[in-house]
Amino acid sequence: MVIGGIAHSIPDRIKSIIFLDAYIPQDGKSAFDLIPGLENTYKQRLLKEKGKEWLVLSYTPLEFGVTNPNDVTWMKNRLCPMPFHTHDESLVMQNVTFKKIPKFFITFTDFGESMFKSIGQEKIDLEGWNYFELRQGHDAMITAPEELSRFLLEIIYKK
């Protein structure tokens, strides 16, 4: 949602966007609007007892699909709570220049259903988007950095 919002506000400064297993921002919608049940999940993970009800406990490495013990240790030292409001605030996506930016979406197929495919079924305008799949979990940048890097470079240089 954040990268979509930024690109929408300064589209003339963005050459292209690559979404990695991400939300696809839509006008007037929040992440909670896009993913059924996500708001309830986040409300259950709020850090109320610590007096930080505006923060959501991060998913664990295992929930992200990371199982290598070295990667798990590395992640545990870096994971931190997420701000709740990055998911409940809707975006205004009406800048026509944003639609002209080449967009690439990479689904990490081992993590679950692709948002790209589910939105396509809803007949949301995905014109100008390029879709790819990589057989990895949600944090491929941790579990398969070389493979993901090669994949990204291939996309960048084929544009």
N, C-alpha and C. Protein backbone atom coordinates (compact mmCIF):
# COMPACT_ATOMS: atom_id res chain seq x y z
N MET A 1 0.83 -1.18 0.00
CA MET A 1 0.00 0.00 0.00
C MET A 1 0.88 1.25 0.00
N VAL A 2 1.96 1.19 0.75
CA VAL A 2 2.82 2.37 0.87
C VAL A 2 3.46 2.71 -0.48
N ILE A 3 4.02 1.72 -1.16
CA ILE A 3 4.68 2.03 -2.43
C ILE A 3 3.68 2.51 -3.47
N GLY A 4 2.47 1.95 -3.45
CA GLY A 4 1.43 2.41 -4.37
C GLY A 4 1.04 3.85 -4.08
N GLY A 5 0.91 4.18 -2.81
CA GLY A 5 0.55 5.55 -2.42
C GLY A 5 1.63 6.55 -2.80
N ILE A 6 2.87 6.17 -2.59
CA ILE A 6 4.00 7.05 -2.95
C ILE A 6 4.04 7.24 -4.47
N ALA A 7 3.97 6.14 -5.19
CA ALA A 7 4.03 6.22 -6.65
C ALA A 7 2.86 7.03 -7.20
N HIS A 8 1.73 6.94 -6.55
CA HIS A 8 0.57 7.70 -7.01
C HIS A 8 0.77 9.19 -6.77
N SER A 9 1.45 9.56 -5.68
CA SER A 9 1.64 10.99 -5.40
C SER A 9 2.77 11.63 -6.20
N ILE A 10 3.74 10.84 -6.65
CA ILE A 10 4.84 11.42 -7.44
C ILE A 10 5.12 10.56 -8.69
N PRO A 11 4.12 10.28 -9.48
CA PRO A 11 4.30 9.37 -10.62
C PRO A 11 5.31 9.85 -11.65
N ASP A 12 5.48 11.15 -11.77
CA ASP A 12 6.44 11.68 -12.73
C ASP A 12 7.89 11.40 -12.34
N ARG A 13 8.10 10.96 -11.11
CA ARG A 13 9.46 10.67 -10.63
C ARG A 13 9.74 9.17 -10.59
N ILE A 14 8.79 8.35 -11.05
CA ILE A 14 8.91 6.90 -10.96
C ILE A 14 8.91 6.31 -12.38
N LYS A 15 9.95 5.55 -12.67
CA LYS A 15 10.06 4.94 -14.00
C LYS A 15 9.24 3.67 -14.11
N SER A 16 9.25 2.85 -13.07
CA SER A 16 8.45 1.62 -13.03
C SER A 16 8.38 1.15 -11.58
N ILE A 17 7.44 0.24 -11.33
CA ILE A 17 7.24 -0.27 -9.97
C ILE A 17 7.20 -1.79 -10.03
N ILE A 18 7.88 -2.41 -9.07
CA ILE A 18 7.81 -3.86 -8.94
C ILE A 18 7.21 -4.17 -7.56
N PHE A 19 6.06 -4.81 -7.58
CA PHE A 19 5.38 -5.22 -6.35
C PHE A 19 5.78 -6.66 -6.06
N LEU A 20 6.37 -6.90 -4.89
CA LEU A 20 6.76 -8.25 -4.50
C LEU A 20 5.73 -8.82 -3.54
N ASP A 21 4.89 -9.72 -4.03
CA ASP A 21 3.90 -10.40 -3.20
C ASP A 21 3.17 -9.41 -2.31
N ALA A 22 2.70 -8.33 -2.91
CA ALA A 22 2.22 -7.17 -2.17
C ALA A 22 0.72 -6.94 -2.35
N TYR A 23 0.23 -5.94 -1.63
CA TYR A 23 -1.13 -5.47 -1.86
C TYR A 23 -1.15 -4.66 -3.15
N ILE A 24 -2.27 -4.71 -3.85
CA ILE A 24 -2.45 -3.87 -5.01
C ILE A 24 -3.39 -2.75 -4.60
N PRO A 25 -2.88 -1.53 -4.48
CA PRO A 25 -3.73 -0.44 -4.00
C PRO A 25 -4.86 -0.12 -4.97
N GLN A 26 -6.01 0.21 -4.38
CA GLN A 26 -7.18 0.59 -5.17
C GLN A 26 -7.78 1.85 -4.58
N ASP A 27 -8.34 2.68 -5.44
CA ASP A 27 -8.89 3.95 -5.02
C ASP A 27 -9.97 3.78 -3.94
N GLY A 28 -9.77 4.51 -2.84
CA GLY A 28 -10.75 4.52 -1.76
C GLY A 28 -10.74 3.30 -0.86
N LYS A 29 -9.75 2.43 -1.02
CA LYS A 29 -9.71 1.20 -0.22
C LYS A 29 -8.44 1.13 0.62
N SER A 30 -8.58 0.46 1.75
CA SER A 30 -7.44 0.19 2.64
C SER A 30 -7.04 -1.28 2.46
N ALA A 31 -5.95 -1.66 3.09
CA ALA A 31 -5.54 -3.07 3.06
C ALA A 31 -6.63 -3.95 3.68
N PHE A 32 -7.27 -3.43 4.72
CA PHE A 32 -8.35 -4.19 5.36
C PHE A 32 -9.52 -4.41 4.41
N ASP A 33 -9.77 -3.44 3.53
CA ASP A 33 -10.84 -3.60 2.54
C ASP A 33 -10.47 -4.66 1.50
N LEU A 34 -9.18 -4.78 1.22
CA LEU A 34 -8.71 -5.68 0.17
C LEU A 34 -8.60 -7.13 0.60
N ILE A 35 -8.31 -7.36 1.88
CA ILE A 35 -8.06 -8.72 2.37
C ILE A 35 -9.11 -9.08 3.43
N PRO A 36 -10.08 -9.90 3.08
CA PRO A 36 -11.09 -10.29 4.07
C PRO A 36 -10.46 -10.95 5.30
N GLY A 37 -10.88 -10.50 6.47
CA GLY A 37 -10.40 -11.09 7.72
C GLY A 37 -9.13 -10.48 8.27
N LEU A 38 -8.43 -9.68 7.47
CA LEU A 38 -7.15 -9.12 7.92
C LEU A 38 -7.33 -8.18 9.10
N GLU A 39 -8.38 -7.39 9.10
CA GLU A 39 -8.59 -6.45 10.20
C GLU A 39 -8.76 -7.19 11.53
N ASN A 40 -9.52 -8.28 11.53
CA ASN A 40 -9.70 -9.06 12.76
C ASN A 40 -8.38 -9.66 13.23
N THR A 41 -7.60 -10.16 12.29
CA THR A 41 -6.28 -10.72 12.63
C THR A 41 -5.41 -9.65 13.27
N TYR A 42 -5.39 -8.47 12.69
CA TYR A 42 -4.55 -7.40 13.22
C TYR A 42 -5.05 -6.92 14.58
N LYS A 43 -6.35 -6.85 14.75
CA LYS A 43 -6.89 -6.42 16.05
C LYS A 43 -6.51 -7.41 17.15
N GLN A 44 -6.42 -8.68 16.82
CA GLN A 44 -6.01 -9.69 17.79
C GLN A 44 -4.52 -9.57 18.12
N ARG A 45 -3.76 -9.00 17.23
CA ARG A 45 -2.31 -8.88 17.41
C ARG A 45 -1.87 -7.52 17.93
N LEU A 46 -2.83 -6.63 18.23
CA LEU A 46 -2.49 -5.31 18.75
C LEU A 46 -1.73 -5.42 20.07
N LEU A 47 -0.81 -4.53 20.30
CA LEU A 47 0.01 -4.55 21.52
C LEU A 47 -0.65 -3.72 22.62
N LYS A 48 -1.94 -3.99 22.87
CA LYS A 48 -2.71 -3.24 23.88
C LYS A 48 -2.09 -3.37 25.27
N GLU A 49 -1.72 -4.59 25.62
CA GLU A 49 -1.20 -4.82 26.98
C GLU A 49 0.11 -4.08 27.24
N LYS A 50 0.77 -3.67 26.18
CA LYS A 50 2.02 -2.92 26.34
C LYS A 50 1.78 -1.42 26.17
N GLY A 51 0.50 -1.02 26.10
CA GLY A 51 0.17 0.39 25.96
C GLY A 51 0.49 0.94 24.58
N LYS A 52 0.59 0.05 23.61
CA LYS A 52 0.92 0.48 22.24
C LYS A 52 -0.14 -0.08 21.28
N GLU A 53 -1.39 0.29 21.54
CA GLU A 53 -2.49 -0.26 20.75
C GLU A 53 -2.46 0.18 19.28
N TRP A 54 -1.58 1.06 18.92
CA TRP A 54 -1.42 1.49 17.53
C TRP A 54 -0.42 0.62 16.77
N LEU A 55 0.18 -0.35 17.48
CA LEU A 55 1.13 -1.26 16.85
C LEU A 55 0.59 -2.68 16.81
N VAL A 56 0.97 -3.41 15.76
CA VAL A 56 0.55 -4.79 15.56
C VAL A 56 1.80 -5.68 15.63
N LEU A 57 1.71 -6.73 16.43
CA LEU A 57 2.81 -7.68 16.54
C LEU A 57 3.12 -8.26 15.17
N SER A 58 4.37 -8.29 14.81
CA SER A 58 4.79 -8.83 13.52
C SER A 58 4.47 -10.31 13.43
N TYR A 59 4.33 -10.78 12.22
CA TYR A 59 4.24 -12.23 12.00
C TYR A 59 5.58 -12.85 12.36
N THR A 60 5.58 -14.10 12.69
CA THR A 60 6.82 -14.81 13.01
C THR A 60 7.51 -15.23 11.71
N PRO A 61 8.80 -15.56 11.78
CA PRO A 61 9.46 -16.06 10.57
C PRO A 61 8.71 -17.25 9.96
N LEU A 62 8.25 -18.17 10.79
CA LEU A 62 7.54 -19.35 10.29
C LEU A 62 6.26 -18.94 9.56
N GLU A 63 5.53 -17.95 10.10
CA GLU A 63 4.32 -17.48 9.44
C GLU A 63 4.63 -16.84 8.09
N PHE A 64 5.83 -16.30 7.95
CA PHE A 64 6.28 -15.74 6.68
C PHE A 64 6.83 -16.83 5.75
N GLY A 65 6.93 -18.06 6.24
CA GLY A 65 7.43 -19.16 5.42
C GLY A 65 8.94 -19.34 5.50
N VAL A 66 9.56 -18.77 6.51
CA VAL A 66 11.01 -18.89 6.68
C VAL A 66 11.29 -20.01 7.69
N THR A 67 12.06 -21.01 7.28
CA THR A 67 12.30 -22.16 8.15
C THR A 67 13.77 -22.44 8.42
N ASN A 68 14.67 -21.92 7.61
CA ASN A 68 16.10 -22.14 7.84
C ASN A 68 16.47 -21.53 9.19
N PRO A 69 17.06 -22.32 10.11
CA PRO A 69 17.38 -21.80 11.45
C PRO A 69 18.23 -20.53 11.45
N ASN A 70 19.18 -20.43 10.53
CA ASN A 70 20.01 -19.22 10.46
C ASN A 70 19.18 -18.00 10.05
N ASP A 71 18.29 -18.20 9.09
CA ASP A 71 17.42 -17.10 8.66
C ASP A 71 16.44 -16.71 9.75
N VAL A 72 15.92 -17.72 10.47
CA VAL A 72 14.98 -17.45 11.56
C VAL A 72 15.65 -16.60 12.63
N THR A 73 16.87 -16.96 13.02
CA THR A 73 17.62 -16.20 14.02
C THR A 73 17.86 -14.78 13.53
N TRP A 74 18.28 -14.65 12.30
CA TRP A 74 18.55 -13.33 11.72
C TRP A 74 17.28 -12.48 11.75
N MET A 75 16.16 -13.07 11.36
CA MET A 75 14.89 -12.32 11.32
C MET A 75 14.40 -11.93 12.72
N LYS A 76 14.49 -12.86 13.66
CA LYS A 76 13.98 -12.58 15.01
C LYS A 76 14.64 -11.34 15.61
N ASN A 77 15.89 -11.12 15.28
CA ASN A 77 16.60 -9.95 15.79
C ASN A 77 16.19 -8.65 15.09
N ARG A 78 15.43 -8.76 14.00
CA ARG A 78 15.09 -7.58 13.22
C ARG A 78 13.59 -7.30 13.12
N LEU A 79 12.77 -8.30 13.39
CA LEU A 79 11.32 -8.10 13.30
C LEU A 79 10.86 -7.10 14.35
N CYS A 80 9.93 -6.26 13.94
CA CYS A 80 9.39 -5.28 14.87
C CYS A 80 7.90 -5.09 14.57
N PRO A 81 7.16 -4.54 15.50
CA PRO A 81 5.73 -4.33 15.27
C PRO A 81 5.47 -3.41 14.08
N MET A 82 4.30 -3.59 13.48
CA MET A 82 3.88 -2.77 12.33
C MET A 82 2.83 -1.77 12.80
N PRO A 83 2.83 -0.58 12.24
CA PRO A 83 1.77 0.38 12.58
C PRO A 83 0.42 -0.09 12.03
N PHE A 84 -0.59 -0.09 12.87
CA PHE A 84 -1.94 -0.50 12.49
C PHE A 84 -2.49 0.36 11.35
N HIS A 85 -2.24 1.66 11.42
CA HIS A 85 -2.86 2.58 10.47
C HIS A 85 -2.31 2.49 9.05
N THR A 86 -1.22 1.77 8.84
CA THR A 86 -0.78 1.57 7.46
C THR A 86 -1.72 0.61 6.74
N HIS A 87 -2.60 -0.02 7.51
CA HIS A 87 -3.52 -0.98 6.93
C HIS A 87 -4.98 -0.52 6.94
N ASP A 88 -5.32 0.45 7.78
CA ASP A 88 -6.73 0.87 7.83
C ASP A 88 -7.00 2.18 7.11
N GLU A 89 -5.98 2.85 6.64
CA GLU A 89 -6.20 4.11 5.92
C GLU A 89 -6.35 3.83 4.42
N SER A 90 -7.41 4.38 3.85
CA SER A 90 -7.65 4.17 2.43
C SER A 90 -6.79 5.12 1.60
N LEU A 91 -6.54 4.72 0.37
CA LEU A 91 -5.73 5.53 -0.54
C LEU A 91 -6.61 6.19 -1.60
N VAL A 92 -6.20 7.35 -2.02
CA VAL A 92 -6.82 8.01 -3.16
C VAL A 92 -5.92 7.69 -4.36
N MET A 93 -6.47 7.00 -5.32
CA MET A 93 -5.69 6.55 -6.48
C MET A 93 -6.35 7.05 -7.76
N GLN A 94 -6.36 8.37 -7.97
CA GLN A 94 -7.05 8.92 -9.14
C GLN A 94 -6.10 9.65 -10.09
N ASN A 95 -4.81 9.62 -9.83
CA ASN A 95 -3.85 10.30 -10.70
C ASN A 95 -3.67 9.48 -11.98
N VAL A 96 -4.06 10.04 -13.12
CA VAL A 96 -3.99 9.29 -14.38
C VAL A 96 -2.54 8.99 -14.78
N THR A 97 -1.60 9.79 -14.35
CA THR A 97 -0.19 9.53 -14.67
C THR A 97 0.28 8.23 -14.03
N PHE A 98 -0.25 7.90 -12.85
CA PHE A 98 0.11 6.65 -12.18
C PHE A 98 -0.22 5.45 -13.06
N LYS A 99 -1.34 5.50 -13.75
CA LYS A 99 -1.75 4.38 -14.61
C LYS A 99 -0.75 4.13 -15.74
N LYS A 100 0.00 5.14 -16.11
CA LYS A 100 0.94 5.02 -17.23
C LYS A 100 2.27 4.39 -16.81
N ILE A 101 2.52 4.32 -15.51
CA ILE A 101 3.79 3.75 -15.03
C ILE A 101 3.77 2.24 -15.25
N PRO A 102 4.81 1.67 -15.88
CA PRO A 102 4.86 0.22 -16.02
C PRO A 102 4.92 -0.43 -14.63
N LYS A 103 4.03 -1.42 -14.42
CA LYS A 103 3.94 -2.08 -13.13
C LYS A 103 4.19 -3.58 -13.30
N PHE A 104 4.96 -4.11 -12.38
CA PHE A 104 5.30 -5.53 -12.38
C PHE A 104 4.86 -6.12 -11.05
N PHE A 105 4.24 -7.28 -11.10
CA PHE A 105 3.78 -7.93 -9.88
C PHE A 105 4.37 -9.33 -9.85
N ILE A 106 5.08 -9.63 -8.77
CA ILE A 106 5.66 -10.97 -8.60
C ILE A 106 4.97 -11.63 -7.41
N THR A 107 4.29 -12.74 -7.69
CA THR A 107 3.67 -13.54 -6.64
C THR A 107 4.66 -14.60 -6.19
N PHE A 108 4.80 -14.73 -4.90
CA PHE A 108 5.59 -15.84 -4.35
C PHE A 108 4.59 -16.96 -4.06
N THR A 109 4.55 -17.93 -4.95
CA THR A 109 3.46 -18.91 -4.97
C THR A 109 3.40 -19.83 -3.75
N ASP A 110 4.50 -20.00 -3.04
CA ASP A 110 4.47 -20.88 -1.87
C ASP A 110 3.84 -20.20 -0.65
N PHE A 111 3.42 -18.95 -0.77
CA PHE A 111 2.87 -18.23 0.37
C PHE A 111 1.35 -18.20 0.37
N GLY A 112 0.73 -18.50 -0.73
CA GLY A 112 -0.73 -18.49 -0.76
C GLY A 112 -1.26 -17.87 -2.02
N GLU A 113 -2.54 -17.53 -1.99
CA GLU A 113 -3.21 -17.00 -3.17
C GLU A 113 -2.65 -15.64 -3.56
N SER A 114 -2.50 -15.45 -4.84
CA SER A 114 -1.99 -14.19 -5.37
C SER A 114 -3.08 -13.12 -5.33
N MET A 115 -2.76 -11.98 -4.76
CA MET A 115 -3.70 -10.87 -4.76
C MET A 115 -3.98 -10.44 -6.19
N PHE A 116 -2.98 -10.54 -7.03
CA PHE A 116 -3.12 -10.15 -8.43
C PHE A 116 -4.22 -10.98 -9.09
N LYS A 117 -4.19 -12.27 -8.88
CA LYS A 117 -5.19 -13.14 -9.50
C LYS A 117 -6.58 -12.91 -8.91
N SER A 118 -6.66 -12.73 -7.60
CA SER A 118 -7.98 -12.53 -6.99
C SER A 118 -8.59 -11.21 -7.43
N ILE A 119 -7.78 -10.18 -7.57
CA ILE A 119 -8.29 -8.89 -8.03
C ILE A 119 -8.69 -8.99 -9.50
N GLY A 120 -7.92 -9.72 -10.28
CA GLY A 120 -8.26 -9.91 -11.69
C GLY A 120 -9.63 -10.56 -11.85
N GLN A 121 -9.97 -11.46 -10.93
CA GLN A 121 -11.28 -12.11 -10.97
C GLN A 121 -12.40 -11.12 -10.67
N GLU A 122 -12.08 -10.05 -9.94
CA GLU A 122 -13.07 -9.03 -9.61
C GLU A 122 -13.20 -8.00 -10.72
N LYS A 123 -12.46 -8.18 -11.80
CA LYS A 123 -12.50 -7.27 -12.95
C LYS A 123 -11.95 -5.88 -12.63
N ILE A 124 -11.02 -5.81 -11.69
CA ILE A 124 -10.33 -4.55 -11.43
C ILE A 124 -9.38 -4.30 -12.60
N ASP A 125 -9.22 -3.06 -12.99
CA ASP A 125 -8.37 -2.72 -14.13
C ASP A 125 -6.91 -3.00 -13.82
N LEU A 126 -6.38 -4.04 -14.44
CA LEU A 126 -4.97 -4.37 -14.28
C LEU A 126 -4.22 -4.17 -15.60
N GLU A 127 -4.77 -3.33 -16.46
CA GLU A 127 -4.12 -3.04 -17.72
C GLU A 127 -2.79 -2.35 -17.45
N GLY A 128 -1.78 -2.79 -18.17
CA GLY A 128 -0.45 -2.21 -18.00
C GLY A 128 0.38 -2.92 -16.93
N TRP A 129 -0.20 -3.90 -16.26
CA TRP A 129 0.53 -4.66 -15.26
C TRP A 129 1.15 -5.88 -15.92
N ASN A 130 2.34 -6.26 -15.49
CA ASN A 130 3.02 -7.47 -15.92
C ASN A 130 3.06 -8.41 -14.73
N TYR A 131 2.65 -9.66 -14.94
CA TYR A 131 2.53 -10.61 -13.83
C TYR A 131 3.54 -11.74 -13.97
N PHE A 132 4.19 -12.07 -12.84
CA PHE A 132 5.16 -13.16 -12.79
C PHE A 132 4.96 -13.97 -11.52
N GLU A 133 5.42 -15.21 -11.55
CA GLU A 133 5.36 -16.05 -10.36
C GLU A 133 6.75 -16.58 -10.06
N LEU A 134 7.06 -16.64 -8.77
CA LEU A 134 8.31 -17.20 -8.30
C LEU A 134 7.96 -18.18 -7.19
N ARG A 135 8.40 -19.40 -7.33
CA ARG A 135 8.05 -20.42 -6.34
C ARG A 135 8.91 -20.27 -5.09
N GLN A 136 8.43 -19.40 -4.21
CA GLN A 136 9.11 -19.11 -2.94
C GLN A 136 8.05 -18.69 -1.93
N GLY A 137 8.47 -18.58 -0.66
CA GLY A 137 7.60 -18.05 0.38
C GLY A 137 7.60 -16.53 0.34
N HIS A 138 6.85 -15.91 1.22
CA HIS A 138 6.64 -14.46 1.21
C HIS A 138 7.94 -13.66 1.36
N ASP A 139 8.92 -14.19 2.05
CA ASP A 139 10.17 -13.46 2.25
C ASP A 139 11.30 -14.04 1.40
N ALA A 140 11.06 -14.11 0.11
CA ALA A 140 12.07 -14.65 -0.81
C ALA A 140 13.36 -13.84 -0.77
N MET A 141 13.25 -12.57 -0.38
CA MET A 141 14.46 -11.75 -0.29
C MET A 141 15.39 -12.27 0.81
N ILE A 142 14.85 -13.08 1.72
CA ILE A 142 15.65 -13.69 2.79
C ILE A 142 15.99 -15.14 2.44
N THR A 143 14.99 -15.88 1.98
CA THR A 143 15.18 -17.31 1.76
C THR A 143 15.84 -17.64 0.42
N ALA A 144 15.71 -16.76 -0.56
CA ALA A 144 16.28 -17.02 -1.89
C ALA A 144 16.75 -15.71 -2.52
N PRO A 145 17.67 -14.99 -1.86
CA PRO A 145 18.07 -13.67 -2.38
C PRO A 145 18.71 -13.71 -3.77
N GLU A 146 19.50 -14.74 -4.05
CA GLU A 146 20.15 -14.81 -5.36
C GLU A 146 19.12 -15.05 -6.45
N GLU A 147 18.21 -15.99 -6.21
CA GLU A 147 17.18 -16.29 -7.21
C GLU A 147 16.29 -15.07 -7.46
N LEU A 148 15.88 -14.40 -6.38
CA LEU A 148 15.04 -13.21 -6.52
C LEU A 148 15.80 -12.10 -7.25
N SER A 149 17.07 -11.91 -6.91
CA SER A 149 17.87 -10.88 -7.58
C SER A 149 17.98 -11.14 -9.07
N ARG A 150 18.25 -12.39 -9.44
CA ARG A 150 18.33 -12.73 -10.87
C ARG A 150 16.99 -12.45 -11.56
N PHE A 151 15.93 -12.81 -10.89
CA PHE A 151 14.58 -12.60 -11.42
C PHE A 151 14.31 -11.11 -11.63
N LEU A 152 14.64 -10.30 -10.62
CA LEU A 152 14.43 -8.85 -10.71
C LEU A 152 15.28 -8.23 -11.83
N LEU A 153 16.53 -8.65 -11.91
CA LEU A 153 17.40 -8.12 -12.97
C LEU A 153 16.87 -8.49 -14.35
N GLU A 154 16.36 -9.69 -14.47
CA GLU A 154 15.78 -10.11 -15.75
C GLU A 154 14.60 -9.21 -16.12
N ILE A 155 13.76 -8.91 -15.16
CA ILE A 155 12.61 -8.02 -15.43
C ILE A 155 13.09 -6.63 -15.80
N ILE A 156 14.03 -6.11 -15.04
CA ILE A 156 14.53 -4.75 -15.26
C ILE A 156 15.16 -4.60 -16.65
N TYR A 157 15.95 -5.59 -17.04
CA TYR A 157 16.65 -5.46 -18.31
C TYR A 157 15.81 -5.84 -19.53
N LYS A 158 14.68 -6.49 -19.31
CA LYS A 158 13.78 -6.82 -20.44
C LYS A 158 12.80 -5.70 -20.73
N LYS A 159 12.66 -4.76 -19.80
CA LYS A 159 11.66 -3.69 -19.98
C LYS A 159 11.89 -2.96 -21.24
